[in-house]
Amino acid sequence: MYVTIADFVAEWKREAALTQQVLNGLTDASLQQKVYGEGRTLGRIAWHFTTNIPEYLSEFGIAIEQIPNAEEVPASAKEIADTFAEISDRAARAIEEQWTDASLQTVQNAFGRDESNASILMGLIKHIVHHRGQVTILMRQAGLKPFGVYGPPKEDWIHFGVEQAPL
């Protein structure tokens, strides 16, 4: 759990950098990859967790500029990646400027439960991590090599002397 704003911002920046690497690997064509026939596209999922950051923070009292036309998924992978970079930086600054370490202990209602602001911020990171995992699977389905978030993708195991990734 986060005890200081600096703790949260450090974790936020680490996870945002990993997410940025995943997003930087997208192509415009890959944005159309669907989960299943009627499911959301990779582009919709990536855009969702990007545009959700200011929506989520605003819900819990952080004043942050919303993304205009957030309901329209860009056709450009670069636009999604660039927007994520801008929004993740803006979010860190807004939290640093508007909350104190003591703010992390404040309890608010979050989705029907009473939670500390520290837990609410952790929930935002977990939401992005959840969708980032979906994006990496869809990248595979779209024929792309995903970035190794917490470990190498199968193609990179050879660099560790392993010819085939372990099961």
C-alpha atoms as a PDB file:
ATOM      1  CA  MET A   1       0.000   0.000   0.000  1.00  0.00           C
ATOM      2  CA  TYR A   2       1.183   3.520  -0.643  1.00  0.00           C
ATOM      3  CA  VAL A   3       2.199   5.512   2.418  1.00  0.00           C
ATOM      4  CA  THR A   4       3.440   8.572   0.560  1.00  0.00           C
ATOM      5  CA  ILE A   5       2.546  10.296  -2.682  1.00  0.00           C
ATOM      6  CA  ALA A   6       6.156   9.712  -3.744  1.00  0.00           C
ATOM      7  CA  ASP A   7       5.619   5.940  -3.278  1.00  0.00           C
ATOM      8  CA  PHE A   8       2.590   6.035  -5.546  1.00  0.00           C
ATOM      9  CA  VAL A   9       4.199   8.260  -8.175  1.00  0.00           C
ATOM     10  CA  ALA A  10       7.258   5.992  -8.343  1.00  0.00           C
ATOM     11  CA  GLU A  11       5.052   2.932  -8.913  1.00  0.00           C
ATOM     12  CA  TRP A  12       2.837   4.874 -11.346  1.00  0.00           C
ATOM     13  CA  LYS A  13       5.833   5.893 -13.419  1.00  0.00           C
ATOM     14  CA  ARG A  14       7.239   2.336 -13.491  1.00  0.00           C
ATOM     15  CA  GLU A  15       3.923   0.864 -14.616  1.00  0.00           C
ATOM     16  CA  ALA A  16       3.276   3.706 -17.087  1.00  0.00           C
ATOM     17  CA  ALA A  17       6.679   3.090 -18.681  1.00  0.00           C
ATOM     18  CA  LEU A  18       5.848  -0.608 -19.122  1.00  0.00           C
ATOM     19  CA  THR A  19       2.436   0.248 -20.555  1.00  0.00           C
ATOM     20  CA  GLN A  20       4.049   2.783 -22.870  1.00  0.00           C
ATOM     21  CA  GLN A  21       6.369   0.089 -24.234  1.00  0.00           C
ATOM     22  CA  VAL A  22       3.355  -2.122 -24.982  1.00  0.00           C
ATOM     23  CA  LEU A  23       1.480   0.718 -26.670  1.00  0.00           C
ATOM     24  CA  ASN A  24       4.546   1.714 -28.688  1.00  0.00           C
ATOM     25  CA  GLY A  25       4.490  -1.777 -30.236  1.00  0.00           C
ATOM     26  CA  LEU A  26       1.010  -1.363 -31.704  1.00  0.00           C
ATOM     27  CA  THR A  27       0.362  -0.774 -35.381  1.00  0.00           C
ATOM     28  CA  ASP A  28      -2.624   0.936 -36.947  1.00  0.00           C
ATOM     29  CA  ALA A  29      -3.772  -2.395 -38.396  1.00  0.00           C
ATOM     30  CA  SER A  30      -3.487  -4.151 -35.001  1.00  0.00           C
ATOM     31  CA  LEU A  31      -6.016  -1.757 -33.486  1.00  0.00           C
ATOM     32  CA  GLN A  32      -8.763  -3.685 -35.309  1.00  0.00           C
ATOM     33  CA  GLN A  33      -7.915  -7.045 -33.676  1.00  0.00           C
ATOM     34  CA  LYS A  34     -10.996  -8.225 -31.781  1.00  0.00           C
ATOM     35  CA  VAL A  35     -11.226 -10.266 -28.624  1.00  0.00           C
ATOM     36  CA  TYR A  36     -13.909 -12.333 -30.406  1.00  0.00           C
ATOM     37  CA  GLY A  37     -16.389 -11.659 -33.200  1.00  0.00           C
ATOM     38  CA  GLU A  38     -18.596  -9.248 -31.311  1.00  0.00           C
ATOM     39  CA  GLY A  39     -15.949  -8.188 -28.802  1.00  0.00           C
ATOM     40  CA  ARG A  40     -14.039  -4.994 -28.327  1.00  0.00           C
ATOM     41  CA  THR A  41     -11.037  -4.263 -30.473  1.00  0.00           C
ATOM     42  CA  LEU A  42      -7.501  -3.880 -29.237  1.00  0.00           C
ATOM     43  CA  GLY A  43      -7.768  -0.183 -30.098  1.00  0.00           C
ATOM     44  CA  ARG A  44     -10.952   0.198 -28.019  1.00  0.00           C
ATOM     45  CA  ILE A  45      -9.325  -1.462 -25.008  1.00  0.00           C
ATOM     46  CA  ALA A  46      -6.131   0.627 -25.213  1.00  0.00           C
ATOM     47  CA  TRP A  47      -8.154   3.804 -25.690  1.00  0.00           C
ATOM     48  CA  HIS A  48     -10.455   2.836 -22.801  1.00  0.00           C
ATOM     49  CA  PHE A  49      -7.713   2.553 -20.208  1.00  0.00           C
ATOM     50  CA  THR A  50      -6.061   5.712 -21.530  1.00  0.00           C
ATOM     51  CA  THR A  51      -9.192   7.859 -21.427  1.00  0.00           C
ATOM     52  CA  ASN A  52     -10.292   6.308 -18.149  1.00  0.00           C
ATOM     53  CA  ILE A  53      -7.343   7.796 -16.233  1.00  0.00           C
ATOM     54  CA  PRO A  54      -8.711  11.362 -16.003  1.00  0.00           C
ATOM     55  CA  GLU A  55     -12.297  10.081 -15.609  1.00  0.00           C
ATOM     56  CA  TYR A  56     -11.250   7.856 -12.707  1.00  0.00           C
ATOM     57  CA  LEU A  57      -9.173  10.518 -10.969  1.00  0.00           C
ATOM     58  CA  SER A  58     -11.929  13.124 -11.361  1.00  0.00           C
ATOM     59  CA  GLU A  59     -14.378  10.724  -9.724  1.00  0.00           C
ATOM     60  CA  PHE A  60     -12.213  10.775  -6.613  1.00  0.00           C
ATOM     61  CA  GLY A  61     -11.559  14.502  -6.406  1.00  0.00           C
ATOM     62  CA  ILE A  62      -8.487  15.076  -8.557  1.00  0.00           C
ATOM     63  CA  ALA A  63      -8.972  18.006 -10.939  1.00  0.00           C
ATOM     64  CA  ILE A  64      -7.521  16.918 -14.280  1.00  0.00           C
ATOM     65  CA  GLU A  65      -8.324  17.877 -17.838  1.00  0.00           C
ATOM     66  CA  GLN A  66     -10.503  15.316 -19.595  1.00  0.00           C
ATOM     67  CA  ILE A  67      -9.708  13.961 -23.054  1.00  0.00           C
ATOM     68  CA  PRO A  68     -11.876  15.606 -25.707  1.00  0.00           C
ATOM     69  CA  ASN A  69     -13.828  13.163 -27.911  1.00  0.00           C
ATOM     70  CA  ALA A  70     -12.860  10.298 -25.602  1.00  0.00           C
ATOM     71  CA  GLU A  71     -15.613   8.109 -27.031  1.00  0.00           C
ATOM     72  CA  GLU A  72     -13.992   8.090 -30.496  1.00  0.00           C
ATOM     73  CA  VAL A  73     -11.177   5.543 -30.774  1.00  0.00           C
ATOM     74  CA  PRO A  74      -8.332   6.941 -32.904  1.00  0.00           C
ATOM     75  CA  ALA A  75      -7.332   5.002 -36.017  1.00  0.00           C
ATOM     76  CA  SER A  76      -3.695   5.774 -35.228  1.00  0.00           C
ATOM     77  CA  ALA A  77      -1.716   3.599 -32.815  1.00  0.00           C
ATOM     78  CA  LYS A  78       0.737   6.472 -32.402  1.00  0.00           C
ATOM     79  CA  GLU A  79      -2.065   8.788 -31.303  1.00  0.00           C
ATOM     80  CA  ILE A  80      -3.148   6.317 -28.627  1.00  0.00           C
ATOM     81  CA  ALA A  81       0.443   5.839 -27.414  1.00  0.00           C
ATOM     82  CA  ASP A  82       1.140   9.589 -27.431  1.00  0.00           C
ATOM     83  CA  THR A  83      -2.095  10.323 -25.572  1.00  0.00           C
ATOM     84  CA  PHE A  84      -1.268   7.725 -22.927  1.00  0.00           C
ATOM     85  CA  ALA A  85       2.166   9.300 -22.416  1.00  0.00           C
ATOM     86  CA  GLU A  86       0.649  12.750 -21.983  1.00  0.00           C
ATOM     87  CA  ILE A  87      -2.177  11.607 -19.706  1.00  0.00           C
ATOM     88  CA  SER A  88       0.006   9.436 -17.477  1.00  0.00           C
ATOM     89  CA  ASP A  89       2.410  12.353 -16.937  1.00  0.00           C
ATOM     90  CA  ARG A  90      -0.472  14.747 -16.322  1.00  0.00           C
ATOM     91  CA  ALA A  91      -2.018  12.334 -13.807  1.00  0.00           C
ATOM     92  CA  ALA A  92       1.194  12.052 -11.784  1.00  0.00           C
ATOM     93  CA  ARG A  93       1.544  15.830 -11.638  1.00  0.00           C
ATOM     94  CA  ALA A  94      -2.097  16.346 -10.638  1.00  0.00           C
ATOM     95  CA  ILE A  95      -1.837  13.855  -7.780  1.00  0.00           C
ATOM     96  CA  GLU A  96       1.448  15.358  -6.570  1.00  0.00           C
ATOM     97  CA  GLU A  97      -0.045  18.852  -6.652  1.00  0.00           C
ATOM     98  CA  GLN A  98      -3.472  18.106  -5.196  1.00  0.00           C
ATOM     99  CA  TRP A  99      -3.002  15.375  -2.604  1.00  0.00           C
ATOM    100  CA  THR A 100      -0.679  15.085   0.360  1.00  0.00           C
ATOM    101  CA  ASP A 101       0.623  11.980   2.089  1.00  0.00           C
ATOM    102  CA  ALA A 102      -2.232  12.375   4.583  1.00  0.00           C
ATOM    103  CA  SER A 103      -4.731  12.389   1.686  1.00  0.00           C
ATOM    104  CA  LEU A 104      -3.858   8.758   1.018  1.00  0.00           C
ATOM    105  CA  GLN A 105      -5.533   7.769   4.292  1.00  0.00           C
ATOM    106  CA  THR A 106      -8.801   9.561   3.484  1.00  0.00           C
ATOM    107  CA  VAL A 107     -11.623   7.092   2.900  1.00  0.00           C
ATOM    108  CA  GLN A 108     -14.101   7.498   0.045  1.00  0.00           C
ATOM    109  CA  ASN A 109     -16.810   5.359  -1.485  1.00  0.00           C
ATOM    110  CA  ALA A 110     -15.331   3.593  -4.485  1.00  0.00           C
ATOM    111  CA  PHE A 111     -17.682   1.451  -6.508  1.00  0.00           C
ATOM    112  CA  GLY A 112     -19.892   0.671  -3.527  1.00  0.00           C
ATOM    113  CA  ARG A 113     -17.074   0.088  -1.036  1.00  0.00           C
ATOM    114  CA  ASP A 114     -15.331   2.366   1.424  1.00  0.00           C
ATOM    115  CA  GLU A 115     -11.662   2.520   0.444  1.00  0.00           C
ATOM    116  CA  SER A 116      -8.686   4.697   1.266  1.00  0.00           C
ATOM    117  CA  ASN A 117      -7.350   6.967  -1.421  1.00  0.00           C
ATOM    118  CA  ALA A 118      -4.224   4.795  -1.419  1.00  0.00           C
ATOM    119  CA  SER A 119      -6.380   1.785  -2.343  1.00  0.00           C
ATOM    120  CA  ILE A 120      -8.225   3.823  -4.943  1.00  0.00           C
ATOM    121  CA  LEU A 121      -4.936   4.762  -6.607  1.00  0.00           C
ATOM    122  CA  MET A 122      -3.799   1.145  -6.487  1.00  0.00           C
ATOM    123  CA  GLY A 123      -7.096   0.253  -8.174  1.00  0.00           C
ATOM    124  CA  LEU A 124      -6.284   2.598 -11.051  1.00  0.00           C
ATOM    125  CA  ILE A 125      -2.944   0.896 -11.616  1.00  0.00           C
ATOM    126  CA  LYS A 126      -4.556  -2.549 -11.420  1.00  0.00           C
ATOM    127  CA  HIS A 127      -7.190  -1.498 -13.957  1.00  0.00           C
ATOM    128  CA  ILE A 128      -4.499  -0.485 -16.439  1.00  0.00           C
ATOM    129  CA  VAL A 129      -2.456  -3.640 -15.773  1.00  0.00           C
ATOM    130  CA  HIS A 130      -5.554  -5.787 -16.368  1.00  0.00           C
ATOM    131  CA  HIS A 131      -6.227  -4.197 -19.741  1.00  0.00           C
ATOM    132  CA  ARG A 132      -2.534  -4.118 -20.651  1.00  0.00           C
ATOM    133  CA  GLY A 133      -2.576  -7.899 -20.336  1.00  0.00           C
ATOM    134  CA  GLN A 134      -5.518  -8.080 -22.717  1.00  0.00           C
ATOM    135  CA  VAL A 135      -3.674  -5.861 -25.174  1.00  0.00           C
ATOM    136  CA  THR A 136      -0.591  -8.107 -25.167  1.00  0.00           C
ATOM    137  CA  ILE A 137      -2.717 -11.163 -25.976  1.00  0.00           C
ATOM    138  CA  LEU A 138      -4.461  -9.309 -28.790  1.00  0.00           C
ATOM    139  CA  MET A 139      -1.082  -8.179 -30.114  1.00  0.00           C
ATOM    140  CA  ARG A 140      -0.121 -11.855 -30.426  1.00  0.00           C
ATOM    141  CA  GLN A 141      -3.372 -12.577 -32.240  1.00  0.00           C
ATOM    142  CA  ALA A 142      -2.639  -9.647 -34.577  1.00  0.00           C
ATOM    143  CA  GLY A 143       0.779 -11.139 -35.394  1.00  0.00           C
ATOM    144  CA  LEU A 144       2.840  -8.694 -33.326  1.00  0.00           C
ATOM    145  CA  LYS A 145       5.554  -9.483 -30.800  1.00  0.00           C
ATOM    146  CA  PRO A 146       4.486  -7.962 -27.485  1.00  0.00           C
ATOM    147  CA  PHE A 147       6.891  -6.145 -25.209  1.00  0.00           C
ATOM    148  CA  GLY A 148       8.042  -8.306 -22.283  1.00  0.00           C
ATOM    149  CA  VAL A 149       6.346  -6.541 -19.393  1.00  0.00           C
ATOM    150  CA  TYR A 150       7.400  -8.649 -16.396  1.00  0.00           C
ATOM    151  CA  GLY A 151       9.484 -11.132 -18.352  1.00  0.00           C
ATOM    152  CA  PRO A 152      10.608 -11.763 -21.902  1.00  0.00           C
ATOM    153  CA  PRO A 153       8.246 -12.755 -24.697  1.00  0.00           C
ATOM    154  CA  LYS A 154       8.825 -16.209 -26.187  1.00  0.00           C
ATOM    155  CA  GLU A 155      11.021 -14.841 -28.985  1.00  0.00           C
ATOM    156  CA  ASP A 156      13.533 -13.499 -26.471  1.00  0.00           C
ATOM    157  CA  TRP A 157      14.066 -16.706 -24.479  1.00  0.00           C
ATOM    158  CA  ILE A 158      16.858 -17.606 -26.906  1.00  0.00           C
ATOM    159  CA  HIS A 159      18.892 -14.762 -25.353  1.00  0.00           C
ATOM    160  CA  PHE A 160      18.782 -16.724 -22.089  1.00  0.00           C
ATOM    161  CA  GLY A 161      20.037 -19.928 -23.712  1.00  0.00           C
ATOM    162  CA  VAL A 162      16.554 -21.427 -23.971  1.00  0.00           C
ATOM    163  CA  GLU A 163      15.449 -22.512 -27.440  1.00  0.00           C
ATOM    164  CA  GLN A 164      11.776 -22.737 -26.512  1.00  0.00           C
ATOM    165  CA  ALA A 165       9.964 -20.764 -23.847  1.00  0.00           C
ATOM    166  CA  PRO A 166       9.133 -22.915 -20.811  1.00  0.00           C
ATOM    167  CA  LEU A 167       5.516 -23.935 -20.352  1.00  0.00           C
END
